[in-house]
Amino acid sequence: MVFALQKYGFWRAKTTFLAYKNHLFDLQKVGFYIFVKYISIFIDINKEYERTYNKFIKMV
């Protein structure tokens, strides 16, 4: 729990610094970009699993 609080504090400070440098870079956009990145990683993993499964089916 302590590690999570420290990590959140660092992330919050980093976001504030970036928002200061570029006013378009706010907290909502950061959260949205992280969400999109996780979704794209999940889709890539799912595609890789599907390719592996199809190769296995062809072998059997």
PDB file of N, CA and C in Angstrom:
ATOM      1  N   MET A   1       0.816  -1.191   0.000  1.00  0.00           N
ATOM      2  CA  MET A   1       0.000   0.000   0.000  1.00  0.00           C
ATOM      3  C   MET A   1       0.865   1.263   0.000  1.00  0.00           C
ATOM      4  N   VAL A   2       1.934   1.238   0.748  1.00  0.00           N
ATOM      5  CA  VAL A   2       2.818   2.408   0.791  1.00  0.00           C
ATOM      6  C   VAL A   2       3.449   2.630  -0.575  1.00  0.00           C
ATOM      7  N   PHE A   3       3.848   1.535  -1.236  1.00  0.00           N
ATOM      8  CA  PHE A   3       4.444   1.649  -2.567  1.00  0.00           C
ATOM      9  C   PHE A   3       3.454   2.263  -3.553  1.00  0.00           C
ATOM     10  N   ALA A   4       2.193   1.867  -3.448  1.00  0.00           N
ATOM     11  CA  ALA A   4       1.176   2.409  -4.348  1.00  0.00           C
ATOM     12  C   ALA A   4       1.001   3.911  -4.130  1.00  0.00           C
ATOM     13  N   LEU A   5       1.025   4.346  -2.892  1.00  0.00           N
ATOM     14  CA  LEU A   5       0.890   5.773  -2.622  1.00  0.00           C
ATOM     15  C   LEU A   5       2.080   6.548  -3.162  1.00  0.00           C
ATOM     16  N   GLN A   6       3.286   6.008  -3.005  1.00  0.00           N
ATOM     17  CA  GLN A   6       4.466   6.681  -3.531  1.00  0.00           C
ATOM     18  C   GLN A   6       4.408   6.741  -5.051  1.00  0.00           C
ATOM     19  N   LYS A   7       3.990   5.649  -5.670  1.00  0.00           N
ATOM     20  CA  LYS A   7       3.904   5.618  -7.123  1.00  0.00           C
ATOM     21  C   LYS A   7       2.876   6.633  -7.617  1.00  0.00           C
ATOM     22  N   TYR A   8       1.738   6.723  -6.935  1.00  0.00           N
ATOM     23  CA  TYR A   8       0.712   7.688  -7.331  1.00  0.00           C
ATOM     24  C   TYR A   8       1.223   9.116  -7.193  1.00  0.00           C
ATOM     25  N   GLY A   9       1.950   9.377  -6.121  1.00  0.00           N
ATOM     26  CA  GLY A   9       2.494  10.716  -5.930  1.00  0.00           C
ATOM     27  C   GLY A   9       3.467  11.098  -7.032  1.00  0.00           C
ATOM     28  N   PHE A  10       4.318  10.161  -7.429  1.00  0.00           N
ATOM     29  CA  PHE A  10       5.262  10.426  -8.517  1.00  0.00           C
ATOM     30  C   PHE A  10       4.519  10.660  -9.822  1.00  0.00           C
ATOM     31  N   TRP A  11       3.528   9.814 -10.095  1.00  0.00           N
ATOM     32  CA  TRP A  11       2.764   9.952 -11.331  1.00  0.00           C
ATOM     33  C   TRP A  11       2.039  11.288 -11.374  1.00  0.00           C
ATOM     34  N   ARG A  12       1.492  11.693 -10.241  1.00  0.00           N
ATOM     35  CA  ARG A  12       0.770  12.962 -10.155  1.00  0.00           C
ATOM     36  C   ARG A  12       1.725  14.135 -10.401  1.00  0.00           C
ATOM     37  N   ALA A  13       2.918  14.068  -9.817  1.00  0.00           N
ATOM     38  CA  ALA A  13       3.900  15.137 -10.011  1.00  0.00           C
ATOM     39  C   ALA A  13       4.358  15.189 -11.462  1.00  0.00           C
ATOM     40  N   LYS A  14       4.579  14.028 -12.061  1.00  0.00           N
ATOM     41  CA  LYS A  14       5.008  13.975 -13.456  1.00  0.00           C
ATOM     42  C   LYS A  14       3.932  14.559 -14.364  1.00  0.00           C
ATOM     43  N   THR A  15       2.677  14.205 -14.113  1.00  0.00           N
ATOM     44  CA  THR A  15       1.575  14.717 -14.921  1.00  0.00           C
ATOM     45  C   THR A  15       1.448  16.226 -14.781  1.00  0.00           C
ATOM     46  N   THR A  16       1.607  16.720 -13.577  1.00  0.00           N
ATOM     47  CA  THR A  16       1.534  18.164 -13.342  1.00  0.00           C
ATOM     48  C   THR A  16       2.643  18.880 -14.088  1.00  0.00           C
ATOM     49  N   PHE A  17       3.849  18.311 -14.071  1.00  0.00           N
ATOM     50  CA  PHE A  17       4.975  18.921 -14.781  1.00  0.00           C
ATOM     51  C   PHE A  17       4.716  18.952 -16.283  1.00  0.00           C
ATOM     52  N   LEU A  18       4.218  17.855 -16.838  1.00  0.00           N
ATOM     53  CA  LEU A  18       3.936  17.821 -18.270  1.00  0.00           C
ATOM     54  C   LEU A  18       2.806  18.772 -18.638  1.00  0.00           C
ATOM     55  N   ALA A  19       1.809  18.884 -17.775  1.00  0.00           N
ATOM     56  CA  ALA A  19       0.711  19.818 -18.029  1.00  0.00           C
ATOM     57  C   ALA A  19       1.218  21.259 -18.000  1.00  0.00           C
ATOM     58  N   TYR A  20       2.217  21.534 -17.166  1.00  0.00           N
ATOM     59  CA  TYR A  20       2.803  22.869 -17.111  1.00  0.00           C
ATOM     60  C   TYR A  20       3.538  23.181 -18.411  1.00  0.00           C
ATOM     61  N   LYS A  21       4.242  22.186 -18.955  1.00  0.00           N
ATOM     62  CA  LYS A  21       4.982  22.398 -20.193  1.00  0.00           C
ATOM     63  C   LYS A  21       4.046  22.536 -21.393  1.00  0.00           C
ATOM     64  N   ASN A  22       2.978  21.745 -21.419  1.00  0.00           N
ATOM     65  CA  ASN A  22       2.041  21.759 -22.534  1.00  0.00           C
ATOM     66  C   ASN A  22       0.630  21.756 -21.950  1.00  0.00           C
ATOM     67  N   HIS A  23      -0.099  22.813 -22.145  1.00  0.00           N
ATOM     68  CA  HIS A  23      -1.413  22.943 -21.509  1.00  0.00           C
ATOM     69  C   HIS A  23      -2.431  21.948 -22.054  1.00  0.00           C
ATOM     70  N   LEU A  24      -2.183  21.369 -23.208  1.00  0.00           N
ATOM     71  CA  LEU A  24      -3.108  20.373 -23.751  1.00  0.00           C
ATOM     72  C   LEU A  24      -2.932  19.012 -23.085  1.00  0.00           C
ATOM     73  N   PHE A  25      -1.823  18.844 -22.362  1.00  0.00           N
ATOM     74  CA  PHE A  25      -1.511  17.557 -21.736  1.00  0.00           C
ATOM     75  C   PHE A  25      -2.070  17.574 -20.323  1.00  0.00           C
ATOM     76  N   ASP A  26      -3.329  17.213 -20.173  1.00  0.00           N
ATOM     77  CA  ASP A  26      -3.950  17.249 -18.854  1.00  0.00           C
ATOM     78  C   ASP A  26      -4.212  15.836 -18.359  1.00  0.00           C
ATOM     79  N   LEU A  27      -4.745  15.737 -17.169  1.00  0.00           N
ATOM     80  CA  LEU A  27      -4.935  14.443 -16.512  1.00  0.00           C
ATOM     81  C   LEU A  27      -5.882  13.536 -17.284  1.00  0.00           C
ATOM     82  N   GLN A  28      -6.929  14.079 -17.861  1.00  0.00           N
ATOM     83  CA  GLN A  28      -7.882  13.258 -18.598  1.00  0.00           C
ATOM     84  C   GLN A  28      -7.236  12.620 -19.816  1.00  0.00           C
ATOM     85  N   LYS A  29      -6.423  13.370 -20.529  1.00  0.00           N
ATOM     86  CA  LYS A  29      -5.792  12.813 -21.716  1.00  0.00           C
ATOM     87  C   LYS A  29      -4.801  11.725 -21.342  1.00  0.00           C
ATOM     88  N   VAL A  30      -4.079  11.909 -20.251  1.00  0.00           N
ATOM     89  CA  VAL A  30      -3.126  10.885 -19.816  1.00  0.00           C
ATOM     90  C   VAL A  30      -3.866   9.593 -19.515  1.00  0.00           C
ATOM     91  N   GLY A  31      -4.942   9.680 -18.769  1.00  0.00           N
ATOM     92  CA  GLY A  31      -5.718   8.490 -18.446  1.00  0.00           C
ATOM     93  C   GLY A  31      -6.270   7.818 -19.685  1.00  0.00           C
ATOM     94  N   PHE A  32      -6.732   8.606 -20.636  1.00  0.00           N
ATOM     95  CA  PHE A  32      -7.281   8.045 -21.869  1.00  0.00           C
ATOM     96  C   PHE A  32      -6.194   7.350 -22.677  1.00  0.00           C
ATOM     97  N   TYR A  33      -5.015   7.967 -22.792  1.00  0.00           N
ATOM     98  CA  TYR A  33      -3.935   7.362 -23.560  1.00  0.00           C
ATOM     99  C   TYR A  33      -3.460   6.059 -22.927  1.00  0.00           C
ATOM    100  N   ILE A  34      -3.383   6.023 -21.602  1.00  0.00           N
ATOM    101  CA  ILE A  34      -2.984   4.790 -20.920  1.00  0.00           C
ATOM    102  C   ILE A  34      -4.024   3.708 -21.163  1.00  0.00           C
ATOM    103  N   PHE A  35      -5.317   4.053 -21.094  1.00  0.00           N
ATOM    104  CA  PHE A  35      -6.394   3.097 -21.345  1.00  0.00           C
ATOM    105  C   PHE A  35      -6.302   2.540 -22.764  1.00  0.00           C
ATOM    106  N   VAL A  36      -6.087   3.412 -23.747  1.00  0.00           N
ATOM    107  CA  VAL A  36      -5.987   2.970 -25.139  1.00  0.00           C
ATOM    108  C   VAL A  36      -4.781   2.059 -25.320  1.00  0.00           C
ATOM    109  N   LYS A  37      -3.671   2.374 -24.665  1.00  0.00           N
ATOM    110  CA  LYS A  37      -2.471   1.544 -24.784  1.00  0.00           C
ATOM    111  C   LYS A  37      -2.720   0.152 -24.223  1.00  0.00           C
ATOM    112  N   TYR A  38      -3.366   0.059 -23.048  1.00  0.00           N
ATOM    113  CA  TYR A  38      -3.668  -1.252 -22.477  1.00  0.00           C
ATOM    114  C   TYR A  38      -4.607  -2.041 -23.373  1.00  0.00           C
ATOM    115  N   ILE A  39      -5.592  -1.389 -23.953  1.00  0.00           N
ATOM    116  CA  ILE A  39      -6.524  -2.079 -24.849  1.00  0.00           C
ATOM    117  C   ILE A  39      -5.777  -2.595 -26.078  1.00  0.00           C
ATOM    118  N   SER A  40      -4.888  -1.797 -26.642  1.00  0.00           N
ATOM    119  CA  SER A  40      -4.155  -2.240 -27.829  1.00  0.00           C
ATOM    120  C   SER A  40      -3.228  -3.404 -27.502  1.00  0.00           C
ATOM    121  N   ILE A  41      -2.626  -3.406 -26.312  1.00  0.00           N
ATOM    122  CA  ILE A  41      -1.783  -4.532 -25.903  1.00  0.00           C
ATOM    123  C   ILE A  41      -2.631  -5.784 -25.760  1.00  0.00           C
ATOM    124  N   PHE A  42      -3.814  -5.659 -25.166  1.00  0.00           N
ATOM    125  CA  PHE A  42      -4.709  -6.802 -25.007  1.00  0.00           C
ATOM    126  C   PHE A  42      -5.124  -7.361 -26.364  1.00  0.00           C
ATOM    127  N   ILE A  43      -5.411  -6.489 -27.324  1.00  0.00           N
ATOM    128  CA  ILE A  43      -5.804  -6.939 -28.659  1.00  0.00           C
ATOM    129  C   ILE A  43      -4.646  -7.658 -29.332  1.00  0.00           C
ATOM    130  N   ASP A  44      -3.420  -7.145 -29.191  1.00  0.00           N
ATOM    131  CA  ASP A  44      -2.255  -7.801 -29.783  1.00  0.00           C
ATOM    132  C   ASP A  44      -2.039  -9.185 -29.189  1.00  0.00           C
ATOM    133  N   ILE A  45      -2.187  -9.317 -27.881  1.00  0.00           N
ATOM    134  CA  ILE A  45      -2.023 -10.617 -27.232  1.00  0.00           C
ATOM    135  C   ILE A  45      -3.089 -11.582 -27.717  1.00  0.00           C
ATOM    136  N   ASN A  46      -4.309 -11.096 -27.857  1.00  0.00           N
ATOM    137  CA  ASN A  46      -5.400 -11.940 -28.321  1.00  0.00           C
ATOM    138  C   ASN A  46      -5.158 -12.413 -29.751  1.00  0.00           C
ATOM    139  N   LYS A  47      -4.649 -11.548 -30.616  1.00  0.00           N
ATOM    140  CA  LYS A  47      -4.352 -11.936 -31.997  1.00  0.00           C
ATOM    141  C   LYS A  47      -3.251 -12.989 -32.032  1.00  0.00           C
ATOM    142  N   GLU A  48      -2.236 -12.821 -31.205  1.00  0.00           N
ATOM    143  CA  GLU A  48      -1.142 -13.798 -31.154  1.00  0.00           C
ATOM    144  C   GLU A  48      -1.666 -15.149 -30.686  1.00  0.00           C
ATOM    145  N   TYR A  49      -2.534 -15.151 -29.690  1.00  0.00           N
ATOM    146  CA  TYR A  49      -3.130 -16.394 -29.201  1.00  0.00           C
ATOM    147  C   TYR A  49      -3.948 -17.058 -30.304  1.00  0.00           C
ATOM    148  N   GLU A  50      -4.685 -16.256 -31.056  1.00  0.00           N
ATOM    149  CA  GLU A  50      -5.515 -16.794 -32.135  1.00  0.00           C
ATOM    150  C   GLU A  50      -4.645 -17.415 -33.225  1.00  0.00           C
ATOM    151  N   ARG A  51      -3.542 -16.766 -33.578  1.00  0.00           N
ATOM    152  CA  ARG A  51      -2.638 -17.332 -34.589  1.00  0.00           C
ATOM    153  C   ARG A  51      -2.036 -18.645 -34.118  1.00  0.00           C
ATOM    154  N   THR A  52      -1.615 -18.691 -32.875  1.00  0.00           N
ATOM    155  CA  THR A  52      -1.043 -19.917 -32.321  1.00  0.00           C
ATOM    156  C   THR A  52      -2.078 -21.030 -32.310  1.00  0.00           C
ATOM    157  N   TYR A  53      -3.300 -20.712 -31.931  1.00  0.00           N
ATOM    158  CA  TYR A  53      -4.380 -21.703 -31.894  1.00  0.00           C
ATOM    159  C   TYR A  53      -4.665 -22.237 -33.297  1.00  0.00           C
ATOM    160  N   ASN A  54      -4.699 -21.352 -34.288  1.00  0.00           N
ATOM    161  CA  ASN A  54      -4.959 -21.789 -35.664  1.00  0.00           C
ATOM    162  C   ASN A  54      -3.844 -22.688 -36.179  1.00  0.00           C
ATOM    163  N   LYS A  55      -2.594 -22.394 -35.844  1.00  0.00           N
ATOM    164  CA  LYS A  55      -1.484 -23.262 -36.247  1.00  0.00           C
ATOM    165  C   LYS A  55      -1.616 -24.632 -35.607  1.00  0.00           C
ATOM    166  N   PHE A  56      -2.012 -24.663 -34.353  1.00  0.00           N
ATOM    167  CA  PHE A  56      -2.182 -25.930 -33.648  1.00  0.00           C
ATOM    168  C   PHE A  56      -3.297 -26.756 -34.284  1.00  0.00           C
ATOM    169  N   ILE A  57      -4.399 -26.113 -34.640  1.00  0.00           N
ATOM    170  CA  ILE A  57      -5.524 -26.822 -35.260  1.00  0.00           C
ATOM    171  C   ILE A  57      -5.104 -27.396 -36.613  1.00  0.00           C
ATOM    172  N   LYS A  58      -4.325 -26.665 -37.377  1.00  0.00           N
ATOM    173  CA  LYS A  58      -3.866 -27.158 -38.680  1.00  0.00           C
ATOM    174  C   LYS A  58      -2.945 -28.357 -38.523  1.00  0.00           C
ATOM    175  N   MET A  59      -2.171 -28.379 -37.437  1.00  0.00           N
ATOM    176  CA  MET A  59      -1.256 -29.500 -37.215  1.00  0.00           C
ATOM    177  C   MET A  59      -2.021 -30.762 -36.833  1.00  0.00           C
ATOM    178  N   VAL A  60      -3.147 -30.626 -36.168  1.00  0.00           N
ATOM    179  CA  VAL A  60      -3.918 -31.783 -35.690  1.00  0.00           C
ATOM    180  C   VAL A  60      -4.788 -32.308 -36.752  1.00  0.00           C
TER     181      VAL A  60
END
